[in-house]
């Protein structure tokens, strides 16, 4: 079924102890779209400036990513500069230029308004609410957030949480949002605010999913070489939603598989800068790593 994503599209400069890349394709909607496109066609809603390379738009189209919702505005594209130290879990934003993204008001094409699966990237909760008003009868709605909105727009964030089925959050944001340190208790409190399912992203330590009466934990896929963690969380959400949007029925087993596919697509993302790894990745390799992850985490009952 149809899958729509609304979020940021950026030109990133990423600094690591090993290499620096400048003005590469980034943004939450970008990583989500590339990851999800291995399972389903994606409808992309975002904004870029006049300086956005045409090649990147052509690359979206080559991945069966519908760009009818991608608007080009007068001005410059959103830019982010981030630096990682030897511990790639630690990231510092060195520079942030919102540019045309500062006035982003999602324009949902008529052809998108019947989308059944909706993913709201970590944009302002007010914008997330406006998007949902324009989508007619979605089957499943998921959203992400960041600490900025927890601190600065908490009331609107609570409103959107009451309207979504699945809520993605990382471990530090889960603690901040819930006011408790234990992630199991944090997830329970977050679920009481509205979402049916809460997914807590833990980076290199995997993810935890909590629903009514059951939960599921998936470790990260063990990698020998992590190059750039930028976009891993959005790629994780893309793999999850991409797979789930193709399922005939949404039940516990399919949701568990979706979490594993999210884990696997994210593991490929971090093997190179930007979306470069996705440009050489095949669906067959994703399914192969899915089976590997199952093999190394499986054990028999006593």
Protein backbone atom coordinates (compact mmCIF):
# COMPACT_ATOMS: atom_id res chain seq x y z
CA UNK A 1 0.00 0.00 0.00
CA UNK A 2 0.99 3.62 -0.46
CA UNK A 3 3.63 5.07 1.87
CA UNK A 4 4.24 8.80 2.41
CA UNK A 5 7.06 10.47 4.33
CA UNK A 6 7.29 14.11 5.36
CA UNK A 7 10.61 15.42 6.65
CA UNK A 8 13.86 17.22 5.98
CA UNK A 9 16.07 17.06 2.92
CA UNK A 10 19.53 18.48 3.45
CA UNK A 11 23.04 18.94 2.21
CA UNK A 12 25.31 17.53 4.90
CA UNK A 13 28.97 18.02 5.67
CA UNK A 14 30.19 15.16 7.86
CA UNK A 15 33.53 15.24 9.68
CA UNK A 16 35.09 12.09 11.13
CA UNK A 17 38.66 11.34 12.29
CA UNK A 18 39.08 9.32 9.09
CA UNK A 19 37.45 11.39 6.36
CA UNK A 20 35.43 14.52 5.61
CA UNK A 21 32.62 14.67 3.04
CA UNK A 22 31.03 17.95 2.00
CA UNK A 23 27.53 18.82 0.84
CA UNK A 24 26.35 15.24 0.44
CA UNK A 25 22.69 14.25 0.36
CA UNK A 26 21.12 14.01 3.82
CA UNK A 27 18.00 14.75 5.85
CA UNK A 28 15.49 12.58 7.69
CA UNK A 29 13.13 12.16 4.72
CA UNK A 30 16.04 11.27 2.45
CA UNK A 31 17.35 8.41 4.59
CA UNK A 32 13.84 7.14 5.29
CA UNK A 33 12.93 7.17 1.59
CA UNK A 34 16.03 5.35 0.41
CA UNK A 35 15.65 2.65 3.04
CA UNK A 36 11.90 2.17 2.54
CA UNK A 37 12.27 2.08 -1.25
CA UNK A 38 13.70 -1.44 -1.06
CA UNK A 39 10.26 -2.65 -0.04
CA UNK A 40 7.72 -0.21 -1.46
CA UNK A 41 7.33 2.93 -3.55
CA UNK A 42 7.66 6.06 -1.45
CA UNK A 43 5.90 9.42 -1.72
CA UNK A 44 8.31 12.13 -0.59
CA UNK A 45 7.24 15.50 0.84
CA UNK A 46 9.95 18.07 1.54
CA UNK A 47 11.52 21.33 0.44
CA UNK A 48 14.87 22.25 -1.12
CA UNK A 49 16.47 25.42 -2.41
CA UNK A 50 17.44 26.47 -5.92
CA UNK A 51 20.95 25.21 -5.27
CA UNK A 52 19.83 21.60 -4.78
CA UNK A 53 21.63 19.42 -7.33
CA UNK A 54 19.39 18.02 -10.07
CA UNK A 55 21.34 14.77 -9.85
CA UNK A 56 19.95 14.14 -6.38
CA UNK A 57 16.39 14.52 -7.67
CA UNK A 58 17.16 12.10 -10.51
CA UNK A 59 18.59 9.67 -7.95
CA UNK A 60 15.33 9.81 -5.99
CA UNK A 61 13.39 8.95 -9.15
CA UNK A 62 15.74 6.06 -9.93
CA UNK A 63 14.84 4.57 -6.53
CA UNK A 64 11.08 4.74 -7.34
CA UNK A 65 10.71 7.63 -4.89
CA UNK A 66 7.85 9.87 -6.02
CA UNK A 67 9.00 13.51 -5.87
CA UNK A 68 5.69 15.21 -6.70
CA UNK A 69 5.70 16.47 -3.09
CA UNK A 70 9.26 17.80 -3.28
CA UNK A 71 9.09 21.58 -3.66
CA UNK A 72 11.91 23.84 -4.78
CA UNK A 73 11.84 27.31 -3.18
CA UNK A 74 13.86 30.43 -3.81
CA UNK A 75 16.89 30.38 -1.54
CA UNK A 76 19.35 27.81 -0.26
CA UNK A 77 18.82 24.21 0.82
CA UNK A 78 18.93 23.23 4.50
CA UNK A 79 22.54 22.55 5.51
CA UNK A 80 24.01 20.67 8.46
CA UNK A 81 27.63 20.26 9.52
CA UNK A 82 28.35 17.56 12.07
CA UNK A 83 31.51 16.13 13.58
CA UNK A 84 32.14 12.69 15.06
CA UNK A 85 35.07 11.77 17.29
CA UNK A 86 36.68 8.33 17.49
CA UNK A 87 33.64 7.20 19.44
CA UNK A 88 31.10 7.47 16.63
CA UNK A 89 28.27 7.49 19.16
CA UNK A 90 29.24 11.07 20.02
CA UNK A 91 28.23 13.73 17.53
CA UNK A 92 28.50 17.49 17.67
CA UNK A 93 26.56 19.84 15.44
CA UNK A 94 29.09 22.41 14.26
CA UNK A 95 26.78 24.44 12.05
CA UNK A 96 23.08 24.48 11.18
CA UNK A 97 21.57 26.57 8.39
CA UNK A 98 17.82 25.99 8.04
CA UNK A 99 17.48 28.23 4.95
CA UNK A 100 14.28 27.31 3.03
CA UNK A 101 13.48 24.63 5.63
CA UNK A 102 12.91 27.39 8.21
CA UNK A 103 9.57 28.23 6.53
CA UNK A 104 8.69 24.68 5.54
CA UNK A 105 4.95 24.19 5.22
CA UNK A 106 4.29 20.70 3.82
CA UNK A 107 2.30 20.83 0.59
CA UNK A 108 0.52 17.50 0.15
CA UNK A 109 -0.32 16.79 -3.51
CA UNK A 110 -3.84 15.50 -4.18
CA UNK A 111 -2.34 12.23 -5.41
CA UNK A 112 -0.78 11.71 -1.96
CA UNK A 113 -3.87 12.35 0.15
CA UNK A 114 -5.06 8.73 -0.06
CA UNK A 115 -1.81 7.38 1.41
CA UNK A 116 -2.50 4.51 3.79
CA UNK A 117 0.86 4.48 5.57
CA UNK A 118 2.18 7.77 6.91
CA UNK A 119 5.55 8.55 8.45
CA UNK A 120 6.06 11.96 9.99
CA UNK A 121 9.76 12.77 10.29
CA UNK A 122 11.11 14.73 13.24
CA UNK A 123 9.73 18.09 12.08
CA UNK A 124 7.80 20.57 14.24
CA UNK A 125 4.75 18.86 15.83
CA UNK A 126 2.52 21.66 14.46
CA UNK A 127 3.56 20.67 10.94
CA UNK A 128 2.98 17.00 11.74
CA UNK A 129 -0.56 17.85 12.84
CA UNK A 130 -1.21 19.84 9.65
CA UNK A 131 -0.05 16.94 7.51
CA UNK A 132 -2.40 14.50 9.20
CA UNK A 133 -5.35 16.80 8.58
CA UNK A 134 -4.68 16.49 4.85
CA UNK A 135 -4.47 12.68 4.71
CA UNK A 136 -7.80 10.90 4.31
CA UNK A 137 -8.27 7.75 6.37
CA UNK A 138 -4.69 6.50 6.82
CA UNK A 139 -4.36 2.87 7.89
CA UNK A 140 -1.29 3.44 10.05
CA UNK A 141 0.51 6.58 11.20
CA UNK A 142 4.02 6.66 12.67
CA UNK A 143 6.13 9.59 13.74
CA UNK A 144 9.54 10.50 15.08
CA UNK A 145 10.63 13.43 17.22
CA UNK A 146 13.74 15.09 18.66
CA UNK A 147 14.62 16.61 22.00
CA UNK A 148 14.06 20.12 20.61
CA UNK A 149 10.29 19.55 20.42
CA UNK A 150 10.17 17.83 23.80
CA UNK A 151 11.69 20.96 25.32
CA UNK A 152 10.07 23.67 23.22
CA UNK A 153 6.71 22.40 21.90
CA UNK A 154 5.63 19.77 24.39
CA UNK A 155 1.88 20.53 24.21
CA UNK A 156 1.73 20.09 20.44
CA UNK A 157 3.86 16.97 20.72
CA UNK A 158 1.31 15.50 23.12
CA UNK A 159 -1.42 16.24 20.59
CA UNK A 160 0.33 14.39 17.79
CA UNK A 161 1.14 11.45 20.07
CA UNK A 162 -2.59 10.92 20.63
CA UNK A 163 -3.08 10.60 16.87
CA UNK A 164 -0.30 8.16 15.92
CA UNK A 165 -0.12 4.39 16.04
CA UNK A 166 3.66 4.06 16.30
CA UNK A 167 6.04 6.47 18.02
CA UNK A 168 9.80 6.34 17.38
CA UNK A 169 12.16 7.84 19.94
CA UNK A 170 15.77 7.29 20.97
CA UNK A 171 16.72 6.24 24.49
CA UNK A 172 17.73 9.68 25.80
CA UNK A 173 14.56 11.26 24.36
CA UNK A 174 12.43 8.50 25.90
CA UNK A 175 13.88 9.31 29.33
CA UNK A 176 13.41 13.04 28.82
CA UNK A 177 9.85 12.67 27.57
CA UNK A 178 8.77 10.26 30.32
CA UNK A 179 10.77 11.68 33.22
CA UNK A 180 12.03 8.22 34.24
CA UNK A 181 15.38 6.55 33.57
CA UNK A 182 14.29 2.92 33.15
CA UNK A 183 13.38 2.37 29.50
CA UNK A 184 10.68 -0.21 30.21
CA UNK A 185 8.91 2.21 32.53
CA UNK A 186 9.58 5.05 30.10
CA UNK A 187 7.94 3.16 27.25
CA UNK A 188 4.92 2.35 29.43
CA UNK A 189 4.47 6.00 30.29
CA UNK A 190 4.88 7.10 26.67
CA UNK A 191 2.29 4.56 25.56
CA UNK A 192 -0.13 6.01 28.11
CA UNK A 193 0.13 9.30 26.18
CA UNK A 194 -1.45 7.79 23.08
CA UNK A 195 0.71 5.62 20.80
CA UNK A 196 -0.23 1.94 20.51
CA UNK A 197 3.41 1.02 19.92
CA UNK A 198 6.58 2.69 21.17
CA UNK A 199 9.91 1.91 19.52
CA UNK A 200 13.03 3.00 21.39
CA UNK A 201 16.17 3.31 19.26
CA UNK A 202 19.43 2.52 21.07
CA UNK A 203 21.99 2.97 18.30
CA UNK A 204 24.70 0.30 18.37
CA UNK A 205 22.76 -1.47 21.13
CA UNK A 206 19.74 -2.18 18.94
CA UNK A 207 16.09 -1.34 19.59
CA UNK A 208 13.17 -2.14 21.86
CA UNK A 209 9.51 -2.31 20.87
CA UNK A 210 6.66 -2.10 23.37
CA UNK A 211 3.02 -2.80 22.65
CA UNK A 212 -0.05 -3.87 24.62
CA UNK A 213 0.84 -7.11 26.40
CA UNK A 214 4.07 -7.85 24.50
CA UNK A 215 7.46 -6.42 23.71
CA UNK A 216 10.34 -7.31 21.42
CA UNK A 217 14.06 -6.56 21.54
CA UNK A 218 16.45 -6.70 18.57
CA UNK A 219 20.23 -6.23 18.85
CA UNK A 220 22.11 -4.18 16.28
CA UNK A 221 23.69 -6.20 13.50
CA UNK A 222 27.39 -6.64 14.43
CA UNK A 223 29.59 -4.70 12.02
CA UNK A 224 33.35 -4.67 11.57
CA UNK A 225 33.42 -1.22 10.00
CA UNK A 226 31.10 1.65 10.86
CA UNK A 227 31.84 4.71 8.73
CA UNK A 228 29.07 7.25 9.36
CA UNK A 229 26.12 6.84 11.77
CA UNK A 230 24.29 9.85 10.28
CA UNK A 231 20.79 8.84 9.18
CA UNK A 232 20.84 5.44 10.89
CA UNK A 233 17.69 6.13 12.91
CA UNK A 234 15.79 7.39 9.86
CA UNK A 235 16.99 4.42 7.80
CA UNK A 236 15.81 2.14 10.61
CA UNK A 237 12.34 3.72 10.48
CA UNK A 238 12.36 3.49 6.68
CA UNK A 239 13.11 -0.23 6.66
CA UNK A 240 10.49 -0.81 9.34
CA UNK A 241 7.73 1.15 7.62
CA UNK A 242 8.73 0.05 4.14
CA UNK A 243 8.31 -3.61 5.01
CA UNK A 244 5.20 -3.13 7.12
CA UNK A 245 3.45 -1.19 4.35
CA UNK A 246 3.63 -4.28 2.12
CA UNK A 247 2.04 -6.67 4.62
CA UNK A 248 -1.48 -7.96 3.97
CA UNK A 249 -2.14 -8.04 7.72
CA UNK A 250 -0.47 -6.11 10.50
CA UNK A 251 0.00 -8.47 13.42
CA UNK A 252 2.62 -9.17 16.07
CA UNK A 253 4.76 -11.40 13.85
CA UNK A 254 4.85 -8.94 10.95
CA UNK A 255 5.70 -6.08 13.29
CA UNK A 256 8.59 -8.13 14.69
CA UNK A 257 9.85 -8.82 11.17
CA UNK A 258 9.56 -5.12 10.36
CA UNK A 259 11.75 -4.29 13.35
CA UNK A 260 14.41 -6.68 12.10
CA UNK A 261 14.25 -5.25 8.57
CA UNK A 262 14.64 -1.79 10.06
CA UNK A 263 17.71 -3.00 11.94
CA UNK A 264 19.20 -4.53 8.82
CA UNK A 265 18.69 -1.52 6.53
CA UNK A 266 20.18 0.76 9.19
CA UNK A 267 23.22 -1.52 9.42
CA UNK A 268 23.91 -1.00 5.73
CA UNK A 269 23.40 2.77 5.98
CA UNK A 270 26.29 3.25 8.43
CA UNK A 271 28.78 1.39 6.24
CA UNK A 272 29.37 4.50 4.14
CA UNK A 273 28.70 8.24 4.10
CA UNK A 274 25.39 9.75 3.09
CA UNK A 275 23.22 7.36 1.02
CA UNK A 276 26.23 5.93 -0.85
CA UNK A 277 25.80 2.41 0.55
CA UNK A 278 22.20 2.30 -0.61
CA UNK A 279 23.35 3.01 -4.16
CA UNK A 280 25.16 -0.34 -4.27
CA UNK A 281 22.74 -2.31 -2.11
CA UNK A 282 20.23 -4.88 -3.37
CA UNK A 283 17.09 -6.29 -1.83
CA UNK A 284 18.71 -9.71 -1.94
CA UNK A 285 21.52 -8.50 0.33
CA UNK A 286 18.97 -7.10 2.77
CA UNK A 287 17.17 -10.44 2.98
CA UNK A 288 20.50 -12.24 3.33
CA UNK A 289 21.51 -10.11 6.31
CA UNK A 290 18.00 -10.57 7.75
CA UNK A 291 18.64 -14.33 7.77
CA UNK A 292 22.11 -13.85 9.27
CA UNK A 293 20.68 -11.77 12.11
CA UNK A 294 18.08 -14.43 12.76
CA UNK A 295 20.77 -17.11 12.83
CA UNK A 296 23.05 -15.35 15.31
CA UNK A 297 20.21 -14.46 17.70
CA UNK A 298 18.33 -17.78 17.59
CA UNK A 299 18.53 -20.42 20.30
CA UNK A 300 16.54 -23.50 21.25
CA UNK A 301 14.45 -23.95 24.36
CA UNK A 302 15.93 -26.04 27.20
